[in-house]
Amino acid sequence: MPLTIYESDLPAPFLPQISIFDYILPGQPGVSPLPAFDPELPAFIDGRGGDEGGRVLTRAGLRDAALRLAGGLRTLGVRRGDVAGLWGFNSLEWVTAAYGCLAAGVVVSPANYAYAPAEVAHQFNDAGASLAFVDPALLANFEAARAHLTHAFPPSHVILICPPAEKPAGTPYPCLAEILGEPVEPEHFDGAASNETAWMSYSSGTTGLPKGVMTTHFNFTSQLQAANTSYHLDTGPGGDVVLGFLPMSHIYGLTIALLQPLTFGAPVVVLPRFDEIQVLDAIQKYRVTHGLLVPPLILRFLHSPNTAKYDLSSMRTIMSGGAPLSPELAAAYEQKFPGCVSIQGYGMTETTPGITAMNRTDVLGGGRQGWVGRLLPTYQARLVGEDGADAPRGGPGELWVRSPSVMKGYHNNPQATADTMALGAWFRTGDVLVRDEAGWFKVVDRVKELIKYKGFQVAPAELEALLLTHPRLVDAGVVGVYDAAEVTEVPRAYVVAAPGVKGSEHAALAREVMAWVAARVAQHKKLRGGVVVVDAVPKSPSGKILRKDLRKRAQAEFEGKPAARL
């Protein structure tokens, strides 16, 4: 029986085989398929208030700084194909470091600024990073990570991503401006070389510790070419101004804040992280039109008493990603801010990231809240049932896709790569979607066991492995529970106490374990759903945790209902 394969109804774009740097900031006409933009257009604006903010990085300024950084890196002995860890908050220096590495042909491996020392050490070790860009605010954690690092990182190879005025006194490390050299010719990745790795974000995939996703130059240029056929930004006078506080270390912020706006000539107002007043002030001051958000922050704006104090009339669109946006939340937001429509897309780190998308025009007629758009060109998709056969049209199935935007694979982990790919080069997303007759997709369930906390992935197995190192625990199971108040899943642990721990000590042990885990993991991995001491974690005869049963009990308990029996 023939496979049911869905394709985009949007026109297929030209897919250039060049580097990301040449695609976005070409040195001469005809290299990139993008329009030629005025080099004096603002590319990134420091949106912080007071004396710290207001700096502007033009397209020409960005290209020049990137080529000078590439020159400085070559002086340090850094070569094409080396890996740089990039650990910090959004800033103009973070942006320059990223583009400078791309110009130098250096693979960028960005780390979540909330990582604990052991977590960032795992990423830098696994990626083989020989160069580190570090925010001064994270220096203490970086020094603590040194105990776990396999590479020595001499002082010249630890570069502070901050302006010279913000460099800490007495530090042995140079800041970015101090290593800028003479501009050099960027490394080119033409033809087959475009399949070399450009970026290595870390994703939990479906299980285990985070794995390096090898994203190539061709993955990125193909993604941007495809996405731009659907997800548009307005250009020219009165055009879009993008709000960029989502972490650019995350594939969502990376693609649609660091890279894509430049393909439309739109400026990005950069903020280090989410701070409500700072965000509202930036929207008002810079007349931001296009916000990049996640559902918990949309809820925050919906109920905030501060929004009425600012002129937010410039906002035309919010793009929601990282997790599904419910129809109810989208409708409530649009009712409070009637001049602004909400759109969303769907994707993941392994697909660079977009698989489906929509634009403002698609939703102006209403009725599409809760949907994630239509398939992007270059993608083929299947919806596969539990029996391995294609789901009936209109029915739910696990989404399988193939596209030039699908990753090259997981770094140094061929088994994990093989486990996520099906015969025929199909990437199995692990998510269950439905597709209507008009070609629109909606996320309805999840096959994989990942917990999604505010757009970040949390692998239960990673937390379980950590819990088993606690001296007073002998078993653990972790699942996600949905917290309606926060509009996100949160991790919840069920643990078995070691022999000798009395029942009267269970409540204190649960509190101890929560604090113990919190001290060892990033913010998004904390056990916000609570810790429960149980006699046994439910498992199958083969020893596999019965997560479905555990999730059922967890959700009931979290909502204050009678607990389901295991």
Protein backbone atom coordinates (compact mmCIF):
# COMPACT_ATOMS: atom_id res chain seq x y z
CA MET A 1 0.00 0.00 0.00
CA PRO A 2 1.52 3.40 -0.95
CA LEU A 3 2.59 5.75 1.83
CA THR A 4 0.53 8.85 2.58
CA ILE A 5 3.07 11.62 2.19
CA TYR A 6 2.09 15.26 2.71
CA GLU A 7 3.93 18.12 1.02
CA SER A 8 3.72 21.89 1.30
CA ASP A 9 1.42 23.83 -0.98
CA LEU A 10 3.88 26.74 -0.87
CA PRO A 11 6.41 27.19 -3.70
CA ALA A 12 9.76 25.50 -3.22
CA PRO A 13 12.55 28.07 -2.83
CA PHE A 14 16.05 28.00 -4.24
CA LEU A 15 18.41 26.30 -1.78
CA PRO A 16 21.91 27.84 -1.94
CA GLN A 17 24.95 25.78 -0.96
CA ILE A 18 26.92 28.47 0.82
CA SER A 19 27.82 29.39 4.40
CA ILE A 20 25.35 31.03 6.76
CA PHE A 21 27.66 34.04 6.94
CA ASP A 22 27.82 34.47 3.15
CA TYR A 23 24.05 33.96 2.98
CA ILE A 24 23.19 36.71 5.50
CA LEU A 25 26.16 39.10 5.17
CA PRO A 26 27.65 38.52 1.72
CA GLY A 27 30.75 40.43 0.72
CA GLN A 28 29.67 41.02 -2.84
CA PRO A 29 26.50 40.94 -4.97
CA GLY A 30 25.29 37.66 -6.40
CA VAL A 31 26.61 35.44 -3.61
CA SER A 32 23.34 35.23 -1.68
CA PRO A 33 19.79 34.95 -3.02
CA LEU A 34 18.68 37.55 -0.46
CA PRO A 35 18.01 41.15 -1.51
CA ALA A 36 20.85 43.66 -1.18
CA PHE A 37 20.23 45.69 1.99
CA ASP A 38 21.58 49.10 2.93
CA PRO A 39 24.68 48.30 5.03
CA GLU A 40 23.81 51.14 7.41
CA LEU A 41 20.50 49.56 8.41
CA PRO A 42 20.39 48.76 12.13
CA ALA A 43 20.72 45.02 12.69
CA PHE A 44 20.73 44.79 16.50
CA ILE A 45 19.87 47.40 19.14
CA ASP A 46 20.85 47.15 22.80
CA GLY A 47 17.43 47.52 24.41
CA ARG A 48 18.57 47.93 27.99
CA GLY A 49 17.57 51.15 29.68
CA GLY A 50 19.82 53.79 31.19
CA ASP A 51 23.46 54.26 30.28
CA GLU A 52 23.86 50.59 29.34
CA GLY A 53 21.40 50.63 26.44
CA GLY A 54 20.87 52.36 23.16
CA ARG A 55 23.91 51.07 21.27
CA VAL A 56 23.22 50.13 17.66
CA LEU A 57 25.03 47.52 15.59
CA THR A 58 24.47 48.14 11.89
CA ARG A 59 24.72 45.44 9.25
CA ALA A 60 28.08 46.88 8.13
CA GLY A 61 29.24 47.16 11.74
CA LEU A 62 28.27 43.56 12.43
CA ARG A 63 30.09 42.27 9.36
CA ASP A 64 33.21 44.28 10.13
CA ALA A 65 33.27 43.18 13.80
CA ALA A 66 32.71 39.55 12.81
CA LEU A 67 35.58 39.60 10.31
CA ARG A 68 37.85 41.30 12.84
CA LEU A 69 36.95 38.67 15.43
CA ALA A 70 37.71 35.97 12.87
CA GLY A 71 41.11 37.62 12.36
CA GLY A 72 41.73 37.71 16.10
CA LEU A 73 40.79 34.05 16.48
CA ARG A 74 43.24 33.06 13.76
CA THR A 75 45.96 34.92 15.65
CA LEU A 76 45.10 32.79 18.68
CA GLY A 77 45.58 29.65 16.62
CA VAL A 78 41.88 28.87 16.29
CA ARG A 79 41.12 27.16 13.00
CA ARG A 80 38.21 26.15 10.80
CA GLY A 81 36.30 23.26 12.34
CA ASP A 82 37.29 24.05 15.94
CA VAL A 83 34.43 24.29 18.44
CA ALA A 84 33.64 27.33 20.58
CA GLY A 85 31.38 27.16 23.61
CA LEU A 86 29.23 30.29 23.90
CA TRP A 87 27.79 30.79 27.38
CA GLY A 88 26.00 33.97 28.28
CA PHE A 89 23.00 36.25 28.07
CA ASN A 90 21.78 37.96 24.90
CA SER A 91 23.87 41.02 24.10
CA LEU A 92 25.50 42.78 21.16
CA GLU A 93 28.73 41.05 22.17
CA TRP A 94 27.01 37.63 22.17
CA VAL A 95 25.73 38.40 18.65
CA THR A 96 29.21 39.49 17.50
CA ALA A 97 30.80 36.37 18.98
CA ALA A 98 28.31 34.14 17.15
CA TYR A 99 28.75 35.83 13.77
CA GLY A 100 32.52 36.07 14.25
CA CYS A 101 32.76 32.33 14.85
CA LEU A 102 30.64 31.65 11.76
CA ALA A 103 32.94 33.91 9.72
CA ALA A 104 35.97 32.03 11.07
CA GLY A 105 34.44 28.65 10.23
CA VAL A 106 34.31 27.80 13.95
CA VAL A 107 31.46 25.57 15.12
CA VAL A 108 29.32 27.39 17.71
CA SER A 109 27.97 25.40 20.65
CA PRO A 110 25.74 27.74 22.70
CA ALA A 111 24.90 26.81 26.29
CA ASN A 112 21.91 27.78 28.37
CA TYR A 113 22.90 30.56 30.77
CA ALA A 114 20.98 28.77 33.54
CA TYR A 115 23.21 25.69 33.40
CA ALA A 116 24.94 24.53 36.56
CA PRO A 117 28.73 24.02 36.33
CA ALA A 118 28.51 20.25 35.78
CA GLU A 119 25.94 20.74 33.01
CA VAL A 120 27.97 23.25 31.03
CA ALA A 121 31.05 21.07 31.53
CA HIS A 122 29.20 18.10 30.02
CA GLN A 123 28.30 20.14 26.96
CA PHE A 124 31.76 21.66 26.43
CA ASN A 125 33.42 18.26 26.93
CA ASP A 126 31.06 16.42 24.64
CA ALA A 127 31.29 19.09 21.95
CA GLY A 128 35.08 19.15 22.14
CA ALA A 129 35.16 22.91 22.72
CA SER A 130 38.66 24.40 22.73
CA LEU A 131 37.51 28.02 23.05
CA ALA A 132 35.00 29.54 25.48
CA PHE A 133 33.07 32.79 25.28
CA VAL A 134 31.71 33.50 28.76
CA ASP A 135 29.53 36.23 30.22
CA PRO A 136 31.23 37.87 33.23
CA ALA A 137 28.13 37.12 35.33
CA LEU A 138 28.83 33.41 34.79
CA LEU A 139 32.55 33.46 35.54
CA ALA A 140 32.18 31.95 39.01
CA ASN A 141 30.21 29.06 37.56
CA PHE A 142 32.75 28.66 34.76
CA GLU A 143 35.58 28.42 37.30
CA ALA A 144 33.56 25.81 39.21
CA ALA A 145 33.06 23.91 35.95
CA ARG A 146 36.83 23.66 35.42
CA ALA A 147 36.94 20.67 37.78
CA HIS A 148 34.84 18.77 35.25
CA LEU A 149 36.37 20.10 32.03
CA THR A 150 38.66 17.88 29.97
CA HIS A 151 40.19 20.87 28.12
CA ALA A 152 42.43 23.26 30.03
CA PHE A 153 41.18 26.50 28.41
CA PRO A 154 44.19 28.82 28.84
CA PRO A 155 43.28 32.44 29.68
CA SER A 156 43.67 33.56 26.06
CA HIS A 157 40.98 31.05 25.06
CA VAL A 158 38.40 32.29 27.56
CA ILE A 159 36.87 35.44 26.10
CA LEU A 160 34.47 37.64 28.04
CA ILE A 161 31.37 38.65 26.09
CA CYS A 162 30.92 42.15 27.43
CA PRO A 163 31.89 45.74 26.56
CA PRO A 164 35.32 46.81 27.89
CA ALA A 165 33.63 49.01 30.50
CA GLU A 166 31.90 45.96 31.99
CA LYS A 167 35.03 43.80 32.21
CA PRO A 168 35.65 42.74 35.84
CA ALA A 169 38.77 44.20 37.44
CA GLY A 170 41.66 41.80 37.87
CA THR A 171 40.40 39.12 35.52
CA PRO A 172 43.04 37.28 33.44
CA TYR A 173 40.63 36.91 30.54
CA PRO A 174 40.35 39.33 27.60
CA CYS A 175 37.03 40.83 26.61
CA LEU A 176 35.78 40.55 23.06
CA ALA A 177 37.00 43.99 21.96
CA GLU A 178 40.55 43.16 23.06
CA ILE A 179 41.00 40.28 20.64
CA LEU A 180 39.56 41.91 17.54
CA GLY A 181 42.23 41.81 14.84
CA GLU A 182 42.49 42.94 11.25
CA PRO A 183 39.48 41.94 9.12
CA VAL A 184 40.04 38.69 7.22
CA GLU A 185 38.27 36.92 4.38
CA PRO A 186 35.50 34.75 5.86
CA GLU A 187 35.66 31.00 5.54
CA HIS A 188 33.45 29.84 2.68
CA PHE A 189 31.41 26.65 2.66
CA ASP A 190 30.41 26.25 -0.95
CA GLY A 191 28.94 23.16 -2.57
CA ALA A 192 29.48 19.96 -0.60
CA ALA A 193 31.29 21.94 2.14
CA SER A 194 27.92 23.48 3.09
CA ASN A 195 27.18 20.14 4.77
CA GLU A 196 29.85 20.83 7.39
CA THR A 197 28.57 21.51 10.91
CA ALA A 198 28.03 25.18 11.71
CA TRP A 199 26.14 25.05 14.99
CA MET A 200 25.87 22.49 17.77
CA SER A 201 22.93 23.15 20.06
CA TYR A 202 22.27 20.58 22.75
CA SER A 203 18.96 18.74 22.92
CA SER A 204 17.76 15.94 25.14
CA GLY A 205 16.19 14.23 22.14
CA THR A 206 13.92 11.58 23.58
CA THR A 207 16.09 10.25 26.42
CA GLY A 208 19.26 10.69 28.41
CA LEU A 209 21.78 13.48 28.73
CA PRO A 210 21.65 16.37 26.24
CA LYS A 211 23.18 15.49 22.87
CA GLY A 212 24.90 17.77 20.39
CA VAL A 213 22.71 18.40 17.37
CA MET A 214 24.97 18.84 14.35
CA THR A 215 23.29 21.57 12.30
CA THR A 216 25.00 22.36 9.01
CA HIS A 217 25.28 25.54 6.98
CA PHE A 218 22.95 23.96 4.42
CA ASN A 219 20.45 23.05 7.15
CA PHE A 220 20.25 26.69 8.17
CA THR A 221 20.15 28.30 4.74
CA SER A 222 17.51 25.78 3.63
CA GLN A 223 15.45 26.49 6.74
CA LEU A 224 15.60 30.24 6.30
CA GLN A 225 14.76 30.06 2.61
CA ALA A 226 11.79 27.79 3.35
CA ALA A 227 10.54 29.69 6.41
CA ASN A 228 10.62 33.00 4.57
CA THR A 229 7.98 31.74 2.13
CA SER A 230 5.50 31.51 5.01
CA TYR A 231 6.64 33.50 8.04
CA HIS A 232 7.11 37.09 6.88
CA LEU A 233 8.44 40.27 8.43
CA ASP A 234 7.48 43.63 6.94
CA THR A 235 10.35 45.74 5.67
CA GLY A 236 10.88 49.34 4.62
CA PRO A 237 9.54 52.47 6.36
CA GLY A 238 7.21 51.47 9.19
CA GLY A 239 8.46 47.89 8.91
CA ASP A 240 8.81 45.35 11.67
CA VAL A 241 10.99 45.79 14.73
CA VAL A 242 11.64 42.46 16.47
CA LEU A 243 11.80 41.93 20.24
CA GLY A 244 14.74 39.67 21.11
CA PHE A 245 14.86 38.62 24.75
CA LEU A 246 14.36 34.88 24.20
CA PRO A 247 17.73 33.12 24.67
CA MET A 248 19.62 33.04 21.39
CA SER A 249 21.31 29.93 22.75
CA HIS A 250 17.99 28.12 22.19
CA ILE A 251 17.15 27.08 18.63
CA TYR A 252 13.95 29.18 18.70
CA GLY A 253 15.68 32.44 19.61
CA LEU A 254 18.70 31.56 17.50
CA THR A 255 16.78 31.16 14.27
CA ILE A 256 14.11 33.83 14.52
CA ALA A 257 16.02 36.48 16.48
CA LEU A 258 19.70 36.05 15.64
CA LEU A 259 19.39 35.01 11.99
CA GLN A 260 16.04 35.44 10.28
CA PRO A 261 15.34 39.15 10.89
CA LEU A 262 18.51 40.03 8.98
CA THR A 263 17.16 38.17 5.94
CA PHE A 264 14.34 40.77 5.86
CA GLY A 265 16.44 43.76 6.87
CA ALA A 266 14.51 44.10 10.15
CA PRO A 267 16.23 45.28 13.37
CA VAL A 268 16.20 43.24 16.57
CA VAL A 269 15.96 44.91 19.99
CA VAL A 270 18.20 42.75 22.17
CA LEU A 271 17.58 42.22 25.88
CA PRO A 272 19.63 39.92 28.16
CA ARG A 273 16.60 37.97 29.37
CA PHE A 274 12.97 38.46 30.30
CA ASP A 275 12.37 41.33 32.71
CA GLU A 276 8.77 42.55 32.47
CA ILE A 277 9.37 46.26 33.00
CA GLN A 278 12.47 46.27 30.80
CA VAL A 279 10.53 44.49 28.03
CA LEU A 280 7.57 46.87 28.24
CA ASP A 281 9.89 49.87 28.24
CA ALA A 282 11.72 48.55 25.15
CA ILE A 283 8.46 47.95 23.27
CA GLN A 284 7.39 51.54 23.95
CA LYS A 285 10.79 53.16 23.30
CA TYR A 286 11.67 51.31 20.07
CA ARG A 287 8.12 50.90 18.76
CA VAL A 288 8.49 47.12 18.63
CA THR A 289 5.99 45.47 16.29
CA HIS A 290 6.85 41.77 16.49
CA GLY A 291 7.27 39.88 19.76
CA LEU A 292 8.86 36.45 20.17
CA LEU A 293 7.26 34.76 23.17
CA VAL A 294 6.42 31.46 24.86
CA PRO A 295 2.98 30.65 26.35
CA PRO A 296 3.88 31.34 30.03
CA LEU A 297 4.98 34.87 29.11
CA ILE A 298 1.85 35.45 27.05
CA LEU A 299 -0.11 34.56 30.18
CA ARG A 300 2.09 36.95 32.17
CA PHE A 301 1.25 39.86 29.85
CA LEU A 302 -2.41 38.91 29.85
CA HIS A 303 -2.69 39.36 33.62
CA SER A 304 -0.04 42.02 34.20
CA PRO A 305 -1.20 45.32 35.75
CA ASN A 306 1.85 46.99 34.19
CA THR A 307 0.85 46.76 30.52
CA ALA A 308 -1.64 49.62 30.92
CA LYS A 309 1.20 51.94 31.96
CA TYR A 310 2.98 51.66 28.60
CA ASP A 311 2.16 52.48 25.00
CA LEU A 312 2.12 49.05 23.35
CA SER A 313 0.11 50.14 20.32
CA SER A 314 3.01 49.42 17.95
CA MET A 315 2.68 45.66 18.54
CA ARG A 316 1.13 43.92 15.52
CA THR A 317 2.13 40.30 15.98
CA ILE A 318 3.33 37.89 18.64
CA MET A 319 5.00 34.68 17.59
CA SER A 320 4.59 31.86 20.12
CA GLY A 321 6.92 28.89 20.13
CA GLY A 322 8.63 26.35 22.36
CA ALA A 323 5.34 24.76 23.44
CA PRO A 324 1.74 24.70 22.14
CA LEU A 325 -0.31 27.88 22.62
CA SER A 326 -3.89 27.02 23.57
CA PRO A 327 -6.78 28.57 21.62
CA GLU A 328 -8.19 30.01 24.84
CA LEU A 329 -4.97 31.81 25.78
CA ALA A 330 -4.48 33.12 22.24
CA ALA A 331 -8.05 34.45 22.10
CA ALA A 332 -7.78 36.11 25.52
CA TYR A 333 -4.52 37.82 24.53
CA GLU A 334 -5.98 39.15 21.30
CA GLN A 335 -9.01 40.44 23.18
CA LYS A 336 -6.82 42.39 25.61
CA PHE A 337 -4.56 43.67 22.81
CA PRO A 338 -6.96 43.98 19.85
CA GLY A 339 -4.39 45.41 17.47
CA CYS A 340 -2.10 42.40 17.89
CA VAL A 341 -2.61 38.90 16.48
CA SER A 342 -0.95 35.71 17.69
CA ILE A 343 0.72 33.19 15.44
CA GLN A 344 2.69 30.07 16.20
CA GLY A 345 4.79 27.43 14.53
CA TYR A 346 6.08 23.98 15.29
CA GLY A 347 9.53 22.48 15.19
CA MET A 348 12.49 21.29 17.23
CA THR A 349 16.24 21.61 17.52
CA GLU A 350 16.80 18.65 15.23
CA THR A 351 14.85 20.33 12.39
CA THR A 352 16.58 23.75 12.60
CA PRO A 353 13.78 24.22 13.90
CA GLY A 354 10.68 25.02 11.83
CA ILE A 355 8.47 22.32 10.33
CA THR A 356 5.23 24.29 10.14
CA ALA A 357 4.58 28.03 10.22
CA MET A 358 2.02 30.75 9.57
CA ASN A 359 1.96 34.51 9.17
CA ARG A 360 -0.21 37.42 10.22
CA THR A 361 -2.33 37.29 7.07
CA ASP A 362 -3.19 33.64 7.69
CA VAL A 363 -4.90 34.38 10.99
CA LEU A 364 -6.54 37.76 10.45
CA GLY A 365 -9.81 36.01 9.64
CA GLY A 366 -9.73 34.16 12.98
CA GLY A 367 -10.49 30.52 13.66
CA ARG A 368 -6.92 29.26 13.67
CA GLN A 369 -6.00 29.66 17.33
CA GLY A 370 -4.39 26.48 18.60
CA TRP A 371 -3.11 25.41 15.18
CA VAL A 372 0.60 25.55 14.31
CA GLY A 373 0.38 26.38 10.62
CA ARG A 374 1.05 24.58 7.38
CA LEU A 375 4.02 22.50 6.30
CA LEU A 376 7.00 24.51 5.13
CA PRO A 377 8.32 23.87 1.62
CA THR A 378 11.23 21.40 1.36
CA TYR A 379 9.45 19.22 3.93
CA GLN A 380 7.67 15.94 3.37
CA ALA A 381 5.59 14.61 6.23
CA ARG A 382 3.82 11.48 7.36
CA LEU A 383 1.45 10.88 10.27
CA VAL A 384 2.14 7.38 11.56
CA GLY A 385 -0.07 5.37 13.90
CA GLU A 386 1.02 3.09 16.72
CA ASP A 387 0.86 0.11 14.34
CA GLY A 388 3.45 1.72 12.05
CA ALA A 389 0.89 2.38 9.32
CA ASP A 390 -0.12 5.82 8.09
CA ALA A 391 -2.93 7.37 10.10
CA PRO A 392 -6.19 7.98 8.19
CA ARG A 393 -6.54 11.47 6.75
CA GLY A 394 -7.73 13.81 9.48
CA GLY A 395 -6.67 11.32 12.18
CA PRO A 396 -3.84 11.65 14.70
CA GLY A 397 -0.41 10.15 14.16
CA GLU A 398 3.21 10.64 15.10
CA LEU A 399 4.76 13.20 12.77
CA TRP A 400 7.65 11.91 10.66
CA VAL A 401 9.46 14.39 8.41
CA ARG A 402 12.32 14.63 5.98
CA SER A 403 13.88 17.81 4.66
CA PRO A 404 17.22 19.50 3.93
CA SER A 405 16.64 21.21 7.29
CA VAL A 406 16.87 17.96 9.30
CA MET A 407 20.11 17.74 11.28
CA LYS A 408 23.16 15.82 10.14
CA GLY A 409 22.91 13.76 13.33
CA TYR A 410 23.86 13.73 17.01
CA HIS A 411 27.53 14.48 17.68
CA ASN A 412 29.56 11.40 18.62
CA ASN A 413 26.34 9.42 19.10
CA PRO A 414 25.48 7.33 16.04
CA GLN A 415 23.18 5.10 18.07
CA ALA A 416 21.01 8.01 19.17
CA THR A 417 20.93 9.21 15.56
CA ALA A 418 19.87 5.78 14.34
CA ASP A 419 17.22 5.52 17.05
CA THR A 420 15.49 8.72 15.91
CA MET A 421 15.61 8.01 12.16
CA ALA A 422 13.32 5.59 10.33
CA LEU A 423 13.97 3.81 7.06
CA GLY A 424 13.73 6.25 4.17
CA ALA A 425 15.51 9.10 6.04
CA TRP A 426 12.39 9.94 8.05
CA PHE A 427 13.00 11.86 11.28
CA ARG A 428 10.57 10.77 14.00
CA THR A 429 9.49 13.81 15.97
CA GLY A 430 7.87 11.90 18.83
CA ASP A 431 4.87 14.25 18.71
CA VAL A 432 1.32 13.37 17.67
CA LEU A 433 -0.37 15.82 15.30
CA VAL A 434 -3.48 16.02 13.16
CA ARG A 435 -3.83 17.63 9.73
CA ASP A 436 -7.07 19.06 8.34
CA GLU A 437 -8.19 19.16 4.73
CA ALA A 438 -6.71 22.64 4.27
CA GLY A 439 -3.26 21.38 5.24
CA TRP A 440 -3.14 22.93 8.71
CA PHE A 441 -1.50 21.00 11.56
CA LYS A 442 -2.28 20.87 15.27
CA VAL A 443 -0.24 19.25 18.06
CA VAL A 444 -2.47 16.95 20.10
CA ASP A 445 -0.18 14.69 22.12
CA ARG A 446 3.37 13.55 22.66
CA VAL A 447 4.83 10.13 22.08
CA LYS A 448 8.13 10.85 23.67
CA GLU A 449 8.57 11.33 27.36
CA LEU A 450 10.23 14.73 27.40
CA ILE A 451 8.91 17.34 29.78
CA LYS A 452 8.64 20.80 28.26
CA TYR A 453 9.11 23.55 30.83
CA LYS A 454 8.50 26.98 29.26
CA GLY A 455 9.93 25.81 25.94
CA PHE A 456 12.97 24.05 27.43
CA GLN A 457 13.29 20.28 27.21
CA VAL A 458 13.77 18.26 30.38
CA ALA A 459 14.68 14.58 30.03
CA PRO A 460 13.20 12.49 32.87
CA ALA A 461 16.04 9.98 32.57
CA GLU A 462 18.63 12.67 33.29
CA LEU A 463 16.88 13.72 36.50
CA GLU A 464 16.32 10.10 37.50
CA ALA A 465 20.03 9.36 37.08
CA LEU A 466 20.84 12.34 39.31
CA LEU A 467 18.30 11.31 41.96
CA LEU A 468 19.83 7.85 42.17
CA THR A 469 23.08 9.43 43.37
CA HIS A 470 21.32 10.84 46.45
CA PRO A 471 22.55 8.85 49.46
CA ARG A 472 19.04 8.37 50.91
CA LEU A 473 17.26 7.22 47.74
CA VAL A 474 17.20 3.84 46.01
CA ASP A 475 14.84 4.45 43.08
CA ALA A 476 13.17 7.31 41.25
CA GLY A 477 10.74 8.09 38.48
CA VAL A 478 10.18 11.55 36.98
CA VAL A 479 7.22 12.74 34.92
CA GLY A 480 5.77 16.05 33.82
CA VAL A 481 2.57 17.52 35.22
CA TYR A 482 0.74 20.41 33.67
CA ASP A 483 0.60 23.55 35.82
CA ALA A 484 -2.33 25.58 34.47
CA ALA A 485 -1.33 28.61 36.53
CA GLU A 486 2.06 28.75 34.79
CA VAL A 487 0.83 27.41 31.43
CA THR A 488 3.62 24.84 31.28
CA GLU A 489 4.65 21.38 32.33
CA VAL A 490 6.80 21.03 35.46
CA PRO A 491 8.91 18.03 36.54
CA ARG A 492 7.60 15.91 39.43
CA ALA A 493 9.60 13.10 41.06
CA TYR A 494 8.49 9.90 42.76
CA VAL A 495 11.30 8.50 44.89
CA VAL A 496 11.86 5.42 47.01
CA ALA A 497 13.68 6.03 50.29
CA ALA A 498 16.64 3.91 51.32
CA PRO A 499 16.13 1.28 54.05
CA GLY A 500 16.23 2.84 57.47
CA VAL A 501 14.42 6.05 56.49
CA LYS A 502 11.29 6.15 58.63
CA GLY A 503 7.86 7.10 57.31
CA SER A 504 7.79 10.07 59.65
CA GLU A 505 10.85 11.42 57.82
CA HIS A 506 9.34 11.27 54.34
CA ALA A 507 8.06 14.85 54.22
CA ALA A 508 11.43 16.22 55.32
CA LEU A 509 13.20 13.94 52.84
CA ALA A 510 11.02 15.25 50.00
CA ARG A 511 11.96 18.84 50.86
CA GLU A 512 15.61 17.88 51.15
CA VAL A 513 15.60 16.19 47.74
CA MET A 514 13.94 19.20 46.07
CA ALA A 515 16.63 21.52 47.42
CA TRP A 516 19.40 19.03 46.63
CA VAL A 517 18.34 18.76 42.99
CA ALA A 518 17.84 22.52 42.67
CA ALA A 519 21.46 23.08 43.68
CA ARG A 520 22.69 20.78 40.90
CA VAL A 521 20.61 21.59 37.84
CA ALA A 522 19.57 24.49 35.65
CA GLN A 523 16.48 26.49 36.55
CA HIS A 524 14.22 24.71 34.06
CA LYS A 525 15.10 21.27 35.47
CA LYS A 526 14.10 21.98 39.07
CA LEU A 527 11.41 19.69 40.52
CA ARG A 528 8.74 22.38 40.56
CA GLY A 529 6.03 19.73 40.48
CA GLY A 530 7.17 18.40 43.86
CA VAL A 531 8.74 15.25 45.25
CA VAL A 532 6.70 12.33 46.59
CA VAL A 533 8.16 9.45 48.57
CA VAL A 534 6.56 6.13 47.53
CA ASP A 535 7.06 2.47 48.38
CA ALA A 536 7.90 1.59 44.76
CA VAL A 537 8.12 3.20 41.33
CA PRO A 538 5.72 1.34 38.98
CA LYS A 539 7.60 -0.66 36.36
CA SER A 540 6.96 -3.26 33.69
CA PRO A 541 8.34 -6.80 34.01
CA SER A 542 11.31 -5.68 31.90
CA GLY A 543 12.06 -2.88 34.35
CA LYS A 544 10.75 0.03 32.28
CA ILE A 545 9.08 2.79 34.28
CA LEU A 546 5.33 2.85 33.59
CA ARG A 547 5.22 6.56 32.93
CA LYS A 548 1.65 6.56 31.71
CA ASP A 549 0.46 5.31 35.11
CA LEU A 550 2.83 7.61 36.95
CA ARG A 551 1.66 10.63 34.94
CA LYS A 552 -1.97 9.80 35.68
CA ARG A 553 -1.29 9.71 39.41
CA ALA A 554 0.94 12.78 39.28
CA GLN A 555 -1.60 14.95 37.47
CA ALA A 556 -4.38 13.93 39.86
CA GLU A 557 -2.26 14.67 42.93
CA PHE A 558 -0.99 17.95 41.51
CA GLU A 559 -4.55 19.12 40.89
CA GLY A 560 -5.60 18.10 44.40
CA LYS A 561 -7.72 15.15 43.29
CA PRO A 562 -7.68 11.65 44.83
CA ALA A 563 -4.53 9.89 43.64
CA ALA A 564 -4.94 7.12 41.12
CA ARG A 565 -3.82 3.72 42.29
CA LEU A 566 -0.62 2.44 40.72
